[in-house]
Protein backbone atom coordinates (compact mmCIF):
# COMPACT_ATOMS: atom_id res chain seq x y z
CA UNK A 1 203.78 -17.28 -20.07
CA UNK A 2 203.24 -20.96 -20.86
CA UNK A 3 205.47 -23.45 -22.69
CA UNK A 4 203.51 -25.77 -24.97
CA UNK A 5 204.39 -28.74 -27.22
CA UNK A 6 201.98 -29.64 -30.04
CA UNK A 7 202.38 -32.70 -32.22
CA UNK A 8 201.13 -32.53 -35.80
CA UNK A 9 201.54 -28.75 -35.90
CA UNK A 10 202.96 -28.36 -39.40
CA UNK A 11 199.43 -27.63 -40.65
CA UNK A 12 195.75 -27.69 -39.67
CA UNK A 13 194.36 -26.95 -36.22
CA UNK A 14 197.67 -27.72 -34.52
CA UNK A 15 199.44 -25.04 -36.50
CA UNK A 16 196.57 -22.57 -36.16
CA UNK A 17 196.56 -22.95 -32.36
CA UNK A 18 200.36 -22.69 -32.28
CA UNK A 19 200.24 -19.40 -34.18
CA UNK A 20 197.68 -17.96 -31.75
CA UNK A 21 199.85 -18.99 -28.79
CA UNK A 22 203.12 -17.77 -30.28
CA UNK A 23 201.58 -14.41 -31.21
CA UNK A 24 200.47 -14.06 -27.60
CA UNK A 25 204.06 -14.50 -26.45
CA UNK A 26 203.90 -18.09 -25.25
CA UNK A 27 206.76 -20.48 -25.98
CA UNK A 28 205.55 -23.04 -28.50
CA UNK A 29 207.42 -26.07 -29.79
CA UNK A 30 206.08 -27.46 -33.05
CA UNK A 31 206.35 -30.94 -34.52
CA UNK A 32 206.57 -32.01 -38.15
CA UNK A 33 206.86 -35.39 -39.84
CA UNK A 34 209.94 -34.52 -41.90
CA UNK A 35 212.44 -31.74 -42.55
CA UNK A 36 210.53 -30.17 -45.45
CA UNK A 37 207.37 -29.90 -43.38
CA UNK A 38 209.41 -28.52 -40.49
CA UNK A 39 210.72 -25.74 -42.71
CA UNK A 40 207.23 -24.78 -43.84
CA UNK A 41 205.95 -24.93 -40.25
CA UNK A 42 208.67 -22.55 -39.08
CA UNK A 43 207.80 -20.12 -41.88
CA UNK A 44 204.13 -20.26 -40.85
CA UNK A 45 204.90 -19.77 -37.14
CA UNK A 46 208.18 -17.82 -37.09
CA UNK A 47 207.83 -17.00 -33.39
CA UNK A 48 207.89 -20.70 -32.41
CA UNK A 49 210.65 -21.76 -30.04
CA UNK A 50 211.59 -24.76 -32.20
CA UNK A 51 210.28 -27.35 -34.65
CA UNK A 52 211.05 -30.97 -33.80
CA UNK A 53 211.01 -33.67 -36.47
CA UNK A 54 209.74 -37.23 -36.13
CA UNK A 55 207.70 -39.64 -38.23
CA UNK A 56 205.10 -40.97 -35.80
CA UNK A 57 204.49 -44.05 -37.95
CA UNK A 58 207.74 -45.51 -36.56
CA UNK A 59 208.45 -46.37 -32.92
CA UNK A 60 212.12 -45.54 -33.35
CA UNK A 61 211.17 -42.04 -34.52
CA UNK A 62 208.69 -41.59 -31.66
CA UNK A 63 211.45 -42.41 -29.16
CA UNK A 64 213.82 -39.93 -30.81
CA UNK A 65 211.14 -37.25 -30.76
CA UNK A 66 210.65 -37.74 -27.03
CA UNK A 67 214.41 -37.48 -26.51
CA UNK A 68 214.51 -34.25 -28.51
CA UNK A 69 211.66 -32.77 -26.50
CA UNK A 70 213.23 -33.73 -23.17
CA UNK A 71 216.60 -32.24 -24.15
CA UNK A 72 215.18 -28.94 -25.42
CA UNK A 73 215.44 -26.04 -23.01
CA UNK A 74 214.55 -27.18 -19.50
CA UNK A 75 212.89 -30.31 -20.88
CA UNK A 76 209.53 -29.56 -19.28
CA UNK A 77 206.33 -28.20 -20.78
CA UNK A 78 203.34 -26.69 -19.06
CA UNK A 79 201.07 -28.29 -21.67
CA UNK A 80 201.42 -31.17 -24.11
CA UNK A 81 198.89 -31.56 -26.93
CA UNK A 82 198.79 -34.87 -28.82
CA UNK A 83 197.23 -33.48 -31.98
CA UNK A 84 198.88 -35.49 -34.77
CA UNK A 85 196.63 -37.90 -36.61
CA UNK A 86 195.96 -39.59 -39.92
CA UNK A 87 192.74 -40.97 -41.29
CA UNK A 88 190.16 -40.01 -43.86
CA UNK A 89 191.70 -39.33 -47.25
CA UNK A 90 195.25 -39.92 -46.05
CA UNK A 91 197.59 -41.89 -48.29
CA UNK A 92 198.73 -43.65 -45.10
CA UNK A 93 195.23 -44.66 -43.99
CA UNK A 94 195.66 -48.26 -45.19
CA UNK A 95 199.41 -48.51 -44.72
CA UNK A 96 201.19 -51.22 -42.77
CA UNK A 97 204.47 -49.77 -41.50
CA UNK A 98 207.91 -51.35 -41.71
CA UNK A 99 207.36 -52.29 -38.04
CA UNK A 100 204.29 -54.35 -39.08
CA UNK A 101 201.73 -52.03 -37.54
CA UNK A 102 198.77 -50.21 -39.03
CA UNK A 103 199.91 -46.64 -39.65
CA UNK A 104 196.60 -45.41 -38.21
CA UNK A 105 197.27 -47.32 -34.98
CA UNK A 106 200.90 -46.17 -34.87
CA UNK A 107 200.21 -42.46 -35.37
CA UNK A 108 196.84 -42.04 -33.68
CA UNK A 109 197.10 -44.49 -30.77
CA UNK A 110 200.63 -45.71 -30.10
CA UNK A 111 202.47 -42.40 -30.60
CA UNK A 112 200.51 -40.44 -27.96
CA UNK A 113 200.88 -43.35 -25.53
CA UNK A 114 204.65 -43.59 -26.07
CA UNK A 115 205.24 -39.84 -25.97
CA UNK A 116 203.24 -39.53 -22.76
CA UNK A 117 205.34 -42.26 -21.18
CA UNK A 118 208.71 -41.07 -22.49
CA UNK A 119 208.44 -37.29 -22.25
CA UNK A 120 208.74 -35.46 -18.97
CA UNK A 121 205.31 -35.13 -17.40
CA UNK A 122 203.78 -31.72 -18.18
CA UNK A 123 203.33 -29.30 -15.30
CA UNK A 124 199.66 -28.54 -15.84
CA UNK A 125 197.79 -29.97 -18.83
CA UNK A 126 197.75 -32.94 -21.21
CA UNK A 127 195.36 -33.30 -24.16
CA UNK A 128 194.64 -36.20 -26.51
CA UNK A 129 192.92 -35.02 -29.69
CA UNK A 130 189.90 -37.18 -30.45
CA UNK A 131 186.93 -36.74 -32.79
CA UNK A 132 183.18 -37.22 -32.83
CA UNK A 133 184.07 -40.20 -35.04
CA UNK A 134 184.97 -41.97 -31.79
CA UNK A 135 181.25 -42.64 -31.28
CA UNK A 136 181.56 -45.22 -34.07
CA UNK A 137 184.61 -46.83 -32.47
CA UNK A 138 184.89 -50.33 -31.05
CA UNK A 139 186.50 -50.73 -27.62
CA UNK A 140 186.83 -54.53 -27.87
CA UNK A 141 190.43 -54.07 -29.13
CA UNK A 142 190.15 -56.91 -31.64
CA UNK A 143 193.26 -56.89 -33.89
CA UNK A 144 193.95 -53.39 -32.63
CA UNK A 145 197.51 -53.11 -33.95
CA UNK A 146 196.33 -53.92 -37.47
CA UNK A 147 193.20 -51.76 -37.39
CA UNK A 148 192.89 -49.06 -40.05
CA UNK A 149 189.77 -47.64 -38.39
CA UNK A 150 190.01 -43.92 -37.68
CA UNK A 151 186.96 -44.19 -35.40
CA UNK A 152 188.60 -46.92 -33.33
CA UNK A 153 191.81 -44.92 -32.99
CA UNK A 154 189.97 -41.83 -31.79
CA UNK A 155 188.17 -43.91 -29.17
CA UNK A 156 191.54 -45.36 -28.16
CA UNK A 157 192.86 -41.82 -27.64
CA UNK A 158 190.06 -41.16 -25.17
CA UNK A 159 190.66 -44.46 -23.40
CA UNK A 160 194.35 -43.62 -23.01
CA UNK A 161 193.48 -40.11 -21.83
CA UNK A 162 191.16 -41.53 -19.19
CA UNK A 163 193.75 -44.08 -18.08
CA UNK A 164 196.31 -41.34 -17.52
CA UNK A 165 193.68 -39.13 -15.90
CA UNK A 166 193.15 -41.83 -13.29
CA UNK A 167 196.89 -41.94 -12.65
CA UNK A 168 197.84 -38.27 -12.88
CA UNK A 169 194.58 -36.38 -12.49
CA UNK A 170 195.35 -35.26 -8.96
CA UNK A 171 198.26 -33.23 -10.31
CA UNK A 172 197.46 -32.26 -13.91
CA UNK A 173 194.36 -31.91 -16.10
CA UNK A 174 194.20 -34.77 -18.61
CA UNK A 175 191.45 -34.42 -21.22
CA UNK A 176 190.36 -35.31 -24.74
CA UNK A 177 188.84 -33.03 -27.36
CA UNK A 178 186.77 -33.08 -30.53
CA UNK A 179 187.69 -29.88 -32.41
CA UNK A 180 184.73 -30.07 -34.78
CA UNK A 181 184.41 -30.83 -38.47
CA UNK A 182 186.55 -28.08 -39.94
CA UNK A 183 188.23 -27.29 -43.24
CA UNK A 184 191.63 -28.91 -42.86
CA UNK A 185 193.55 -31.40 -44.97
CA UNK A 186 191.82 -34.17 -43.04
CA UNK A 187 188.43 -32.52 -42.71
CA UNK A 188 188.24 -31.63 -46.40
CA UNK A 189 187.02 -28.57 -48.25
CA UNK A 190 183.34 -29.40 -47.68
CA UNK A 191 183.58 -29.17 -43.89
CA UNK A 192 181.23 -26.52 -42.50
CA UNK A 193 183.61 -24.90 -40.01
CA UNK A 194 186.85 -22.96 -40.16
CA UNK A 195 189.88 -23.39 -37.94
CA UNK A 196 189.59 -20.12 -36.01
CA UNK A 197 187.14 -21.27 -33.36
CA UNK A 198 188.78 -24.58 -32.40
CA UNK A 199 192.26 -23.03 -32.60
CA UNK A 200 191.23 -20.25 -30.21
CA UNK A 201 189.55 -22.73 -27.84
CA UNK A 202 192.60 -25.00 -27.87
CA UNK A 203 194.95 -22.06 -27.26
CA UNK A 204 192.86 -20.81 -24.34
CA UNK A 205 192.74 -24.27 -22.79
CA UNK A 206 196.50 -24.74 -23.27
CA UNK A 207 197.22 -21.66 -21.17
CA UNK A 208 194.65 -22.38 -18.47
CA UNK A 209 192.18 -19.77 -19.67
CA UNK A 210 188.44 -20.01 -20.26
CA UNK A 211 185.77 -22.52 -19.30
CA UNK A 212 187.46 -25.54 -20.88
CA UNK A 213 190.48 -25.18 -18.62
CA UNK A 214 188.16 -25.35 -15.62
CA UNK A 215 186.68 -28.74 -16.54
CA UNK A 216 187.57 -31.68 -14.33
CA UNK A 217 190.31 -34.03 -15.44
CA UNK A 218 189.06 -36.86 -17.63
CA UNK A 219 186.60 -34.63 -19.46
CA UNK A 220 185.81 -34.85 -23.17
CA UNK A 221 184.93 -31.54 -24.78
CA UNK A 222 184.39 -29.55 -27.94
CA UNK A 223 184.96 -25.80 -28.36
CA UNK A 224 181.38 -25.38 -27.04
CA UNK A 225 182.03 -27.23 -23.80
CA UNK A 226 181.90 -30.67 -22.19
CA UNK A 227 180.24 -33.54 -24.06
CA UNK A 228 179.18 -37.08 -23.13
CA UNK A 229 181.60 -39.60 -24.67
CA UNK A 230 181.15 -43.12 -26.01
CA UNK A 231 180.59 -45.33 -22.94
CA UNK A 232 183.54 -47.49 -23.95
CA UNK A 233 185.88 -44.59 -23.20
CA UNK A 234 185.17 -45.07 -19.50
CA UNK A 235 185.69 -48.85 -19.44
CA UNK A 236 188.61 -49.16 -17.01
CA UNK A 237 189.29 -52.81 -17.82
CA UNK A 238 189.60 -52.02 -21.53
CA UNK A 239 191.69 -48.93 -20.81
CA UNK A 240 194.20 -51.10 -18.98
CA UNK A 241 194.09 -53.73 -21.72
CA UNK A 242 194.91 -51.05 -24.28
CA UNK A 243 197.81 -49.75 -22.20
CA UNK A 244 199.16 -53.29 -21.91
CA UNK A 245 198.93 -53.76 -25.69
CA UNK A 246 200.81 -50.50 -26.24
CA UNK A 247 203.43 -51.52 -23.68
CA UNK A 248 203.93 -54.96 -25.23
CA UNK A 249 204.20 -53.56 -28.76
CA UNK A 250 206.55 -50.69 -27.91
CA UNK A 251 208.48 -51.95 -24.91
CA UNK A 252 207.62 -48.65 -23.21
CA UNK A 253 205.87 -48.68 -19.85
CA UNK A 254 203.90 -46.04 -17.99
CA UNK A 255 206.35 -44.30 -15.65
CA UNK A 256 206.49 -46.03 -12.28
CA UNK A 257 204.74 -49.19 -13.50
C-alpha cells in the first residue's frame, strides 16, 4: 500500500481523493490551514494517518509543515500532492501577507516550491495541481511576488513542476494536473462537474494505477488524459528564473544546488 501526503485536504478535491485512498487502505496524511479545519478533516477522513497543520500564506509555517512531515513515521512518502490553492472568491485573493507577499503567490506558487525543497523526496510521484486557468497566465514573471493572478500562479505551478521534472524525472514522475471545473468551494456551485471523477483519477494516479500513472514525467493532464499546456510552461529559462525568485524570497534552495 502507498503512503501519500496531500496539501489542502481539509475540503474539496484533496479531501475527496484522500477519502478514496484511505478507504482503500492506503496511508494518507492530510493537511489543514488551522486546528479547527484539521479537526473537521479528521472527522471527514477518520482513517487518515494524521492531519498536519500549517498556514501556507506564511514561510515560517511552510517550513514547520515540512519539518512535521519529515518527522512523521519514516519521513518518506511514495507520493506528494501539492493541491492547496486560493483564488477565485477567496477572501485571501487580494491579501498581502505579513511577510509582504501576495497570498496567492505564497500559497499557490511559493509553498509547493518550498515544500518540494524541504520535504524528503517522494519515492515515486510528485504532483503540482494546476488549472485550465493557466492558459491565461503570464510567464514573464513581472512583479511575481505581488501578483494576485490565479492564472499566473497556476502557470507557475506547471513551470516549477517542469523544472523539477528535468532534475528528478529519471527517478520519479513529476507532473501537473487540471482537475476540471467542479463544484468545490473554489469552483462554486455553478460548476458543471462533481468531485467524484477527479478524486478517483487523482487517487489512481497517486498509487501508480491507471493510464495517468503511465504518462511520462513532465506531463500535464486532466482526468481524461494528457493535454497540451501553455507554451510558457516549457520555457526552461523562465522556469529557472522562477526557481531563483522563490529561492531568493524564501532562502530555501533546491536540494543539491
